[in-house]
């Protein structure tokens, strides 16, 4: 890629980081307007879509010259909270030092948003005429999901984001397995299906515990059981494809691959919140345990509830309430988009491989899969060590090397030219 695009992407990312889009409240319109001004200056027509004025999404496109497939470059502009006291630099400075761009969102995911924008803008300047639409969307509200971002766009303005293929966050890590570089491409995601375990007892004055029935104490047994649960292993098709790509078997995995694969072999239950008495001197009559539950693609809360009840046992009375169920979708593996990724890494990292995988986390890709049947992958290649990246996302001193920003921008241009030429 031309060196000027490296500087262009760096400058745009730095300016995006300087726009505080902490969610809540979000205020993503300021970022959407910055991106609109940049894209329009490069000859692209943009549209702002907003459920409320301060929470806009921005969409731009290069229209296809004939009825070819469409490709969406997707990213979100909101970020999580940053405590300035924990940072080495101000978290919304966008400072560039020692070859890295620092600030909240540098990894998650204003870097990819900036790369998306520079990729489509540079292609427009070059007169690129795609066979199908090349679309850019920078959306609001991914981090919280209150219905201002891609979910709302798919419902209220489906033609703005309807696409055959999409490139989003969630993949692109470079691992070295048995001496072979492997780039992870996420083609599916687990369902986020949190639930509440509600235990009831009888309240009373804390100075006389014998006359009450402490719901908090009864809950302790259930917390221990659900936290100790180990699911029966089930190899999903994406995990099988990953193991095949890297030449490994499930029974021979070692760190760090086993740490990547283990959460994908079944449901996971993580107790994360508890609510009981609101006063120190009142024994609680009700205790609620919130459990972060992630289910393999294709599994529903109804499928897993009998297993949860088996784990919890029957010596404590309780109720279970699933509070939501989102995601749990998958895209096909054998597609032109995966082959484009394979061709790209073959050029920039000879001898390396692309390995499909499930993401244990959660992205906006599922809205596209559910609404349009989109082939949506998470793939933004970076050479930063995966363990360092994992430590920096949603944490202090978040940053991305300029080299990785350039690599990601190069990939997006390659994908557009490969799929839409």
Protein backbone atom coordinates (compact mmCIF):
# COMPACT_ATOMS: atom_id res chain seq x y z
CA UNK A 1 0.00 0.00 0.00
CA UNK A 2 1.18 3.49 -0.75
CA UNK A 3 2.82 5.17 2.22
CA UNK A 4 0.34 8.04 1.96
CA UNK A 5 -2.50 5.67 2.88
CA UNK A 6 -0.59 4.58 5.97
CA UNK A 7 -0.42 8.20 7.10
CA UNK A 8 -4.02 8.81 6.07
CA UNK A 9 -5.28 5.90 8.17
CA UNK A 10 -3.13 6.95 11.13
CA UNK A 11 -4.43 10.51 11.03
CA UNK A 12 -8.06 9.43 10.72
CA UNK A 13 -7.79 6.95 13.58
CA UNK A 14 -6.13 9.54 15.81
CA UNK A 15 -8.97 11.98 15.13
CA UNK A 16 -11.61 9.31 15.72
CA UNK A 17 -10.12 8.42 19.10
CA UNK A 18 -10.27 12.10 20.09
CA UNK A 19 -14.07 11.93 19.74
CA UNK A 20 -15.31 10.56 23.07
CA UNK A 21 -18.00 8.01 22.21
CA UNK A 22 -18.07 6.21 25.54
CA UNK A 23 -21.23 4.10 25.71
CA UNK A 24 -23.29 4.98 27.63
CA UNK A 25 -24.24 7.60 26.57
CA UNK A 26 -22.55 7.02 23.20
CA UNK A 27 -22.88 10.37 21.41
CA UNK A 28 -21.72 8.60 18.24
CA UNK A 29 -23.07 11.34 15.95
CA UNK A 30 -19.85 13.33 16.38
CA UNK A 31 -17.84 10.36 15.07
CA UNK A 32 -20.36 9.77 12.27
CA UNK A 33 -20.05 13.39 11.15
CA UNK A 34 -16.25 13.21 11.19
CA UNK A 35 -16.37 10.12 8.97
CA UNK A 36 -18.99 11.66 6.70
CA UNK A 37 -16.84 14.74 6.15
CA UNK A 38 -13.80 12.60 5.35
CA UNK A 39 -15.68 10.33 2.94
CA UNK A 40 -17.52 13.14 1.17
CA UNK A 41 -14.20 14.92 0.65
CA UNK A 42 -13.16 11.80 -1.25
CA UNK A 43 -16.18 11.83 -3.53
CA UNK A 44 -18.47 9.42 -1.69
CA UNK A 45 -22.13 10.07 -0.97
CA UNK A 46 -22.97 9.46 2.70
CA UNK A 47 -26.16 9.11 4.68
CA UNK A 48 -26.64 9.51 8.41
CA UNK A 49 -29.29 7.28 9.98
CA UNK A 50 -30.25 7.99 13.57
CA UNK A 51 -32.95 6.69 15.87
CA UNK A 52 -32.14 9.69 18.07
CA UNK A 53 -30.15 12.71 16.86
CA UNK A 54 -27.10 12.16 19.06
CA UNK A 55 -26.63 8.48 18.09
CA UNK A 56 -26.14 8.45 14.34
CA UNK A 57 -24.89 5.68 12.07
CA UNK A 58 -23.11 6.61 8.83
CA UNK A 59 -23.36 4.62 5.58
CA UNK A 60 -21.57 5.21 2.28
CA UNK A 61 -21.20 3.12 -0.87
CA UNK A 62 -19.59 2.74 -4.25
CA UNK A 63 -22.43 1.46 -6.40
CA UNK A 64 -21.83 -1.66 -8.42
CA UNK A 65 -21.81 -1.46 -12.21
CA UNK A 66 -23.75 -4.71 -12.57
CA UNK A 67 -25.49 -7.37 -10.52
CA UNK A 68 -22.47 -8.73 -8.65
CA UNK A 69 -22.19 -9.60 -4.96
CA UNK A 70 -22.16 -6.79 -2.41
CA UNK A 71 -19.56 -6.36 0.33
CA UNK A 72 -20.04 -4.41 3.57
CA UNK A 73 -17.09 -3.06 5.56
CA UNK A 74 -18.60 -2.90 9.04
CA UNK A 75 -17.45 -1.29 12.27
CA UNK A 76 -18.86 0.38 15.37
CA UNK A 77 -17.89 3.80 16.69
CA UNK A 78 -18.86 3.47 20.37
CA UNK A 79 -16.29 2.49 23.00
CA UNK A 80 -16.28 1.35 26.61
CA UNK A 81 -15.43 3.48 29.64
CA UNK A 82 -11.83 4.55 30.18
CA UNK A 83 -10.51 5.61 33.60
CA UNK A 84 -7.85 8.23 32.85
CA UNK A 85 -6.11 7.52 36.17
CA UNK A 86 -5.13 4.07 34.90
CA UNK A 87 -3.62 5.27 31.61
CA UNK A 88 -0.09 6.34 30.65
CA UNK A 89 -1.58 8.87 28.19
CA UNK A 90 -4.96 10.59 28.15
CA UNK A 91 -7.34 7.91 26.82
CA UNK A 92 -8.92 10.19 24.22
CA UNK A 93 -5.71 11.80 23.03
CA UNK A 94 -5.16 9.64 19.95
CA UNK A 95 -1.45 10.12 20.60
CA UNK A 96 1.00 8.55 18.17
CA UNK A 97 4.26 7.51 19.78
CA UNK A 98 6.89 4.88 19.08
CA UNK A 99 4.99 3.60 16.06
CA UNK A 100 1.69 3.04 17.90
CA UNK A 101 -1.63 4.92 18.10
CA UNK A 102 -2.89 5.15 21.68
CA UNK A 103 -6.37 5.65 23.05
CA UNK A 104 -9.70 4.10 23.86
CA UNK A 105 -10.97 2.32 20.76
CA UNK A 106 -7.54 1.90 19.18
CA UNK A 107 -8.22 -1.85 19.05
CA UNK A 108 -11.96 -2.09 19.70
CA UNK A 109 -12.67 -0.95 17.13
CA UNK A 110 -11.98 2.50 15.75
CA UNK A 111 -8.85 1.15 14.06
CA UNK A 112 -10.94 -1.05 11.80
CA UNK A 113 -13.46 1.77 11.28
CA UNK A 114 -10.64 4.06 10.13
CA UNK A 115 -9.17 1.33 7.91
CA UNK A 116 -12.63 0.69 6.40
CA UNK A 117 -13.01 4.38 5.61
CA UNK A 118 -9.55 4.75 4.08
CA UNK A 119 -9.99 1.56 2.06
CA UNK A 120 -13.25 2.67 0.43
CA UNK A 121 -12.10 6.29 0.04
CA UNK A 122 -8.85 5.30 -1.67
CA UNK A 123 -10.67 2.90 -3.99
CA UNK A 124 -13.13 5.67 -4.90
CA UNK A 125 -10.25 8.03 -5.70
CA UNK A 126 -8.72 5.38 -7.93
CA UNK A 127 -11.94 5.05 -9.90
CA UNK A 128 -12.70 1.51 -8.71
CA UNK A 129 -15.86 0.19 -10.37
CA UNK A 130 -17.08 -2.83 -8.40
CA UNK A 131 -19.36 -5.45 -9.92
CA UNK A 132 -21.63 -5.12 -6.88
CA UNK A 133 -22.00 -2.48 -4.18
CA UNK A 134 -19.07 -1.80 -1.86
CA UNK A 135 -20.62 -0.46 1.34
CA UNK A 136 -19.15 1.29 4.38
CA UNK A 137 -21.08 1.37 7.66
CA UNK A 138 -19.92 2.81 10.97
CA UNK A 139 -22.61 2.05 13.50
CA UNK A 140 -23.55 3.07 17.03
CA UNK A 141 -24.24 1.12 20.18
CA UNK A 142 -22.45 -2.20 19.72
CA UNK A 143 -20.99 -2.20 23.22
CA UNK A 144 -24.35 -1.94 25.01
CA UNK A 145 -26.89 -2.93 22.38
CA UNK A 146 -29.88 -0.76 23.31
CA UNK A 147 -31.16 -0.69 19.73
CA UNK A 148 -29.51 2.38 18.19
CA UNK A 149 -27.03 0.68 15.88
CA UNK A 150 -26.97 -2.18 13.40
CA UNK A 151 -29.96 -3.96 14.94
CA UNK A 152 -32.07 -0.85 14.32
CA UNK A 153 -30.63 -0.31 10.83
CA UNK A 154 -31.52 -3.87 9.79
CA UNK A 155 -35.10 -3.27 10.92
CA UNK A 156 -35.71 0.37 9.99
CA UNK A 157 -33.40 0.84 6.96
CA UNK A 158 -32.59 -2.65 5.68
CA UNK A 159 -31.59 -1.51 2.19
CA UNK A 160 -28.83 0.63 3.70
CA UNK A 161 -26.91 -2.38 5.01
CA UNK A 162 -28.26 -5.36 3.04
CA UNK A 163 -25.24 -7.27 1.72
CA UNK A 164 -23.99 -10.64 0.52
CA UNK A 165 -20.66 -10.48 2.34
CA UNK A 166 -19.46 -8.51 5.38
CA UNK A 167 -16.12 -8.03 7.09
CA UNK A 168 -16.38 -7.20 10.78
CA UNK A 169 -14.37 -7.47 13.99
CA UNK A 170 -13.67 -10.61 15.98
CA UNK A 171 -10.78 -12.25 14.13
CA UNK A 172 -7.42 -11.68 12.49
CA UNK A 173 -5.14 -12.84 15.32
CA UNK A 174 -1.85 -14.38 14.18
CA UNK A 175 -0.86 -17.49 16.12
CA UNK A 176 2.21 -19.62 15.63
CA UNK A 177 1.33 -23.29 16.06
CA UNK A 178 4.07 -25.90 15.74
CA UNK A 179 6.17 -23.31 13.95
CA UNK A 180 3.45 -22.47 11.38
CA UNK A 181 1.79 -19.01 11.32
CA UNK A 182 -2.00 -19.29 11.52
CA UNK A 183 -4.40 -16.39 11.03
CA UNK A 184 -7.76 -16.86 12.77
CA UNK A 185 -10.92 -15.95 10.83
CA UNK A 186 -14.12 -16.09 12.88
CA UNK A 187 -17.06 -17.39 10.86
CA UNK A 188 -19.51 -18.03 13.73
CA UNK A 189 -20.24 -16.87 17.25
CA UNK A 190 -21.72 -18.28 20.42
CA UNK A 191 -25.10 -17.12 21.64
CA UNK A 192 -25.17 -14.71 24.57
CA UNK A 193 -27.96 -16.09 26.78
CA UNK A 194 -27.57 -14.76 30.35
CA UNK A 195 -29.94 -16.04 33.00
CA UNK A 196 -30.89 -15.31 36.59
CA UNK A 197 -31.11 -17.93 39.33
CA UNK A 198 -33.60 -16.70 41.92
CA UNK A 199 -33.55 -18.25 45.41
CA UNK A 200 -36.23 -17.45 47.99
CA UNK A 201 -36.13 -17.65 51.78
CA UNK A 202 -37.59 -15.68 54.70
CA UNK A 203 -36.32 -12.33 55.89
CA UNK A 204 -35.50 -11.45 59.45
CA UNK A 205 -33.31 -9.27 61.66
CA UNK A 206 -29.62 -10.08 61.14
CA UNK A 207 -29.04 -10.11 64.92
CA UNK A 208 -31.25 -13.20 65.18
CA UNK A 209 -30.27 -15.41 62.19
CA UNK A 210 -32.01 -18.49 63.59
CA UNK A 211 -35.51 -17.08 63.00
CA UNK A 212 -34.94 -16.39 59.28
CA UNK A 213 -34.21 -18.42 56.15
CA UNK A 214 -31.24 -16.71 54.51
CA UNK A 215 -31.62 -16.81 50.72
CA UNK A 216 -28.05 -15.60 50.27
CA UNK A 217 -26.59 -18.52 52.22
CA UNK A 218 -28.73 -21.00 50.28
CA UNK A 219 -27.52 -19.47 47.02
CA UNK A 220 -23.88 -20.19 47.84
CA UNK A 221 -24.32 -23.89 47.06
CA UNK A 222 -25.79 -23.11 43.66
CA UNK A 223 -23.01 -20.66 42.81
CA UNK A 224 -20.37 -23.29 43.55
CA UNK A 225 -22.13 -25.90 41.43
CA UNK A 226 -22.70 -23.74 38.37
CA UNK A 227 -19.15 -22.36 38.52
CA UNK A 228 -17.66 -25.87 38.69
CA UNK A 229 -19.63 -27.15 35.69
CA UNK A 230 -17.60 -28.78 32.92
CA UNK A 231 -19.66 -29.46 29.78
CA UNK A 232 -19.42 -32.59 27.73
CA UNK A 233 -17.16 -31.76 24.82
CA UNK A 234 -18.78 -31.39 21.42
CA UNK A 235 -16.69 -30.38 18.42
CA UNK A 236 -18.53 -27.80 16.33
CA UNK A 237 -17.92 -27.78 12.54
CA UNK A 238 -15.88 -24.57 12.81
CA UNK A 239 -13.66 -26.04 15.52
CA UNK A 240 -13.16 -29.17 13.41
CA UNK A 241 -12.17 -26.98 10.47
CA UNK A 242 -9.75 -25.04 12.67
CA UNK A 243 -8.10 -28.21 13.97
CA UNK A 244 -7.83 -29.54 10.43
CA UNK A 245 -6.26 -26.28 9.22
CA UNK A 246 -3.60 -26.33 11.93
CA UNK A 247 -3.02 -30.10 11.80
CA UNK A 248 -3.98 -30.85 15.40
CA UNK A 249 -6.26 -33.22 17.28
CA UNK A 250 -8.43 -32.28 20.21
CA UNK A 251 -6.65 -34.70 22.55
CA UNK A 252 -3.20 -33.26 21.77
CA UNK A 253 -3.85 -29.54 22.30
CA UNK A 254 -1.46 -27.51 24.42
CA UNK A 255 -1.38 -23.85 25.48
CA UNK A 256 -2.30 -21.42 24.00
CA UNK A 257 -4.46 -23.35 21.51
CA UNK A 258 -6.35 -25.28 24.19
CA UNK A 259 -7.26 -21.99 25.90
CA UNK A 260 -8.69 -20.75 22.60
CA UNK A 261 -10.61 -23.94 21.82
CA UNK A 262 -11.86 -25.03 25.26
CA UNK A 263 -14.67 -22.42 25.65
CA UNK A 264 -16.00 -23.39 22.21
CA UNK A 265 -16.68 -27.05 22.98
CA UNK A 266 -19.93 -26.53 24.86
CA UNK A 267 -21.96 -24.05 26.90
CA UNK A 268 -20.17 -21.91 29.49
CA UNK A 269 -21.73 -20.62 32.71
CA UNK A 270 -20.00 -17.81 34.61
CA UNK A 271 -21.70 -16.37 37.74
CA UNK A 272 -20.89 -12.67 37.59
CA UNK A 273 -23.39 -10.72 39.72
CA UNK A 274 -25.38 -11.25 42.90
CA UNK A 275 -28.14 -9.19 44.52
CA UNK A 276 -29.61 -9.85 47.95
CA UNK A 277 -30.40 -7.62 50.94
CA UNK A 278 -29.99 -3.88 50.57
CA UNK A 279 -29.33 -3.39 54.30
CA UNK A 280 -26.64 -4.93 56.43
CA UNK A 281 -29.01 -5.81 59.26
CA UNK A 282 -31.73 -7.50 57.20
CA UNK A 283 -31.42 -11.15 56.22
CA UNK A 284 -32.52 -11.39 52.58
CA UNK A 285 -35.68 -13.23 51.58
CA UNK A 286 -34.60 -13.24 47.91
CA UNK A 287 -31.20 -13.66 46.29
CA UNK A 288 -30.61 -13.31 42.56
CA UNK A 289 -27.51 -14.70 40.84
CA UNK A 290 -26.79 -13.44 37.32
CA UNK A 291 -24.97 -15.95 35.16
CA UNK A 292 -23.21 -15.07 31.91
CA UNK A 293 -24.17 -17.97 29.65
CA UNK A 294 -22.68 -18.59 26.18
CA UNK A 295 -24.13 -21.32 23.96
CA UNK A 296 -22.68 -22.97 20.83
CA UNK A 297 -24.22 -21.90 17.51
CA UNK A 298 -27.54 -23.64 16.99
CA UNK A 299 -28.16 -24.23 20.70
CA UNK A 300 -31.06 -22.45 22.42
CA UNK A 301 -31.84 -21.68 26.08
CA UNK A 302 -34.58 -24.32 25.96
CA UNK A 303 -31.99 -26.90 24.88
CA UNK A 304 -29.65 -26.17 27.77
CA UNK A 305 -32.07 -25.49 30.65
CA UNK A 306 -32.46 -29.18 31.61
CA UNK A 307 -28.68 -29.45 31.92
CA UNK A 308 -28.56 -26.34 34.11
CA UNK A 309 -31.20 -27.81 36.42
CA UNK A 310 -29.30 -31.09 36.60
CA UNK A 311 -26.14 -29.24 37.64
CA UNK A 312 -27.92 -27.14 40.27
CA UNK A 313 -29.57 -30.19 41.89
CA UNK A 314 -32.86 -30.36 43.76
CA UNK A 315 -31.93 -29.72 47.39
CA UNK A 316 -32.42 -25.94 47.07
CA UNK A 317 -35.58 -24.44 45.59
CA UNK A 318 -34.92 -21.86 42.88
CA UNK A 319 -36.27 -20.29 39.71
CA UNK A 320 -34.43 -19.75 36.41
CA UNK A 321 -35.16 -16.82 34.11
CA UNK A 322 -33.32 -16.25 30.83
CA UNK A 323 -33.13 -12.49 30.35
CA UNK A 324 -32.16 -12.43 26.66
CA UNK A 325 -30.81 -14.60 23.86
CA UNK A 326 -28.80 -13.04 21.05
CA UNK A 327 -26.34 -14.33 18.50
CA UNK A 328 -25.44 -17.96 18.09
CA UNK A 329 -25.22 -17.68 14.30
CA UNK A 330 -22.78 -19.09 11.76
CA UNK A 331 -21.75 -18.44 8.18
CA UNK A 332 -20.53 -21.04 5.66
CA UNK A 333 -16.81 -21.73 5.69
CA UNK A 334 -16.13 -22.51 2.03
CA UNK A 335 -16.77 -19.09 0.47
CA UNK A 336 -15.02 -16.58 -1.81
CA UNK A 337 -14.43 -14.37 1.23
CA UNK A 338 -12.40 -17.05 3.02
CA UNK A 339 -10.45 -17.72 -0.17
CA UNK A 340 -9.72 -14.00 -0.44
CA UNK A 341 -8.32 -14.06 3.10
CA UNK A 342 -6.20 -17.11 2.25
CA UNK A 343 -4.80 -15.40 -0.83
CA UNK A 344 -4.01 -12.25 1.15
CA UNK A 345 -2.10 -13.92 3.98
CA UNK A 346 -0.31 -16.05 1.44
CA UNK A 347 1.07 -12.85 -0.07
CA UNK A 348 1.96 -10.97 3.11
CA UNK A 349 3.01 -13.97 5.22
CA UNK A 350 4.23 -16.79 2.95
CA UNK A 351 3.72 -20.26 4.39
CA UNK A 352 0.93 -19.16 6.70
CA UNK A 353 -2.64 -20.46 6.84
CA UNK A 354 -6.11 -19.13 7.54
CA UNK A 355 -8.07 -21.13 10.10
CA UNK A 356 -11.85 -20.65 10.53
CA UNK A 357 -13.08 -20.41 14.10
CA UNK A 358 -15.98 -19.50 16.39
CA UNK A 359 -15.67 -16.41 18.53
CA UNK A 360 -16.53 -16.93 22.17
CA UNK A 361 -17.49 -13.27 22.40
CA UNK A 362 -20.19 -11.30 20.66
CA UNK A 363 -20.30 -9.05 17.60
CA UNK A 364 -22.84 -7.31 15.41
CA UNK A 365 -22.38 -9.88 12.63
CA UNK A 366 -25.35 -11.90 13.81
CA UNK A 367 -27.78 -9.11 12.89
CA UNK A 368 -26.68 -9.39 9.26
CA UNK A 369 -26.79 -13.18 9.21
CA UNK A 370 -30.28 -13.20 10.72
CA UNK A 371 -31.70 -10.41 8.54
CA UNK A 372 -30.15 -11.13 5.16
CA UNK A 373 -28.30 -14.45 5.30
CA UNK A 374 -25.04 -12.50 4.94
CA UNK A 375 -21.72 -14.32 4.92
CA UNK A 376 -20.18 -12.31 7.76
CA UNK A 377 -16.63 -12.93 8.94
CA UNK A 378 -14.49 -11.37 11.63
CA UNK A 379 -11.11 -10.76 10.01
CA UNK A 380 -8.87 -7.74 10.56
CA UNK A 381 -5.32 -9.11 10.42
CA UNK A 382 -2.84 -7.82 12.99
CA UNK A 383 0.59 -9.07 13.96
CA UNK A 384 0.35 -7.86 17.57
CA UNK A 385 0.77 -10.77 19.97
CA UNK A 386 -2.71 -12.16 20.77
CA UNK A 387 -2.03 -12.23 24.50
CA UNK A 388 -1.05 -8.53 24.47
CA UNK A 389 -4.09 -7.58 22.41
CA UNK A 390 -6.39 -9.49 24.77
CA UNK A 391 -4.84 -7.65 27.72
CA UNK A 392 -5.37 -4.22 26.11
CA UNK A 393 -8.92 -4.46 24.74
CA UNK A 394 -11.33 -2.77 27.19
CA UNK A 395 -8.31 -2.04 29.40
CA UNK A 396 -5.83 0.77 30.07
CA UNK A 397 -3.20 1.84 27.53
CA UNK A 398 -5.12 0.40 24.57
CA UNK A 399 -3.09 0.91 21.40
CA UNK A 400 -2.38 -0.49 17.95
CA UNK A 401 0.84 -0.46 15.92
CA UNK A 402 0.71 1.70 12.81
CA UNK A 403 2.07 -1.31 10.92
CA UNK A 404 -1.04 -3.31 11.87
CA UNK A 405 -3.37 -0.49 10.87
CA UNK A 406 -1.66 -0.42 7.50
CA UNK A 407 -1.90 -4.21 7.18
CA UNK A 408 -5.62 -4.13 7.94
CA UNK A 409 -6.25 -1.37 5.41
CA UNK A 410 -4.34 -3.32 2.77
CA UNK A 411 -6.47 -6.40 3.49
CA UNK A 412 -9.73 -4.50 3.09
CA UNK A 413 -8.65 -3.11 -0.27
CA UNK A 414 -7.60 -6.60 -1.35
CA UNK A 415 -10.93 -8.09 -0.26
CA UNK A 416 -12.93 -5.48 -2.17
CA UNK A 417 -10.91 -5.93 -5.35
CA UNK A 418 -10.99 -9.73 -5.09
CA UNK A 419 -14.71 -10.12 -4.45
CA UNK A 420 -16.05 -7.25 -6.53
CA UNK A 421 -13.79 -7.03 -9.56
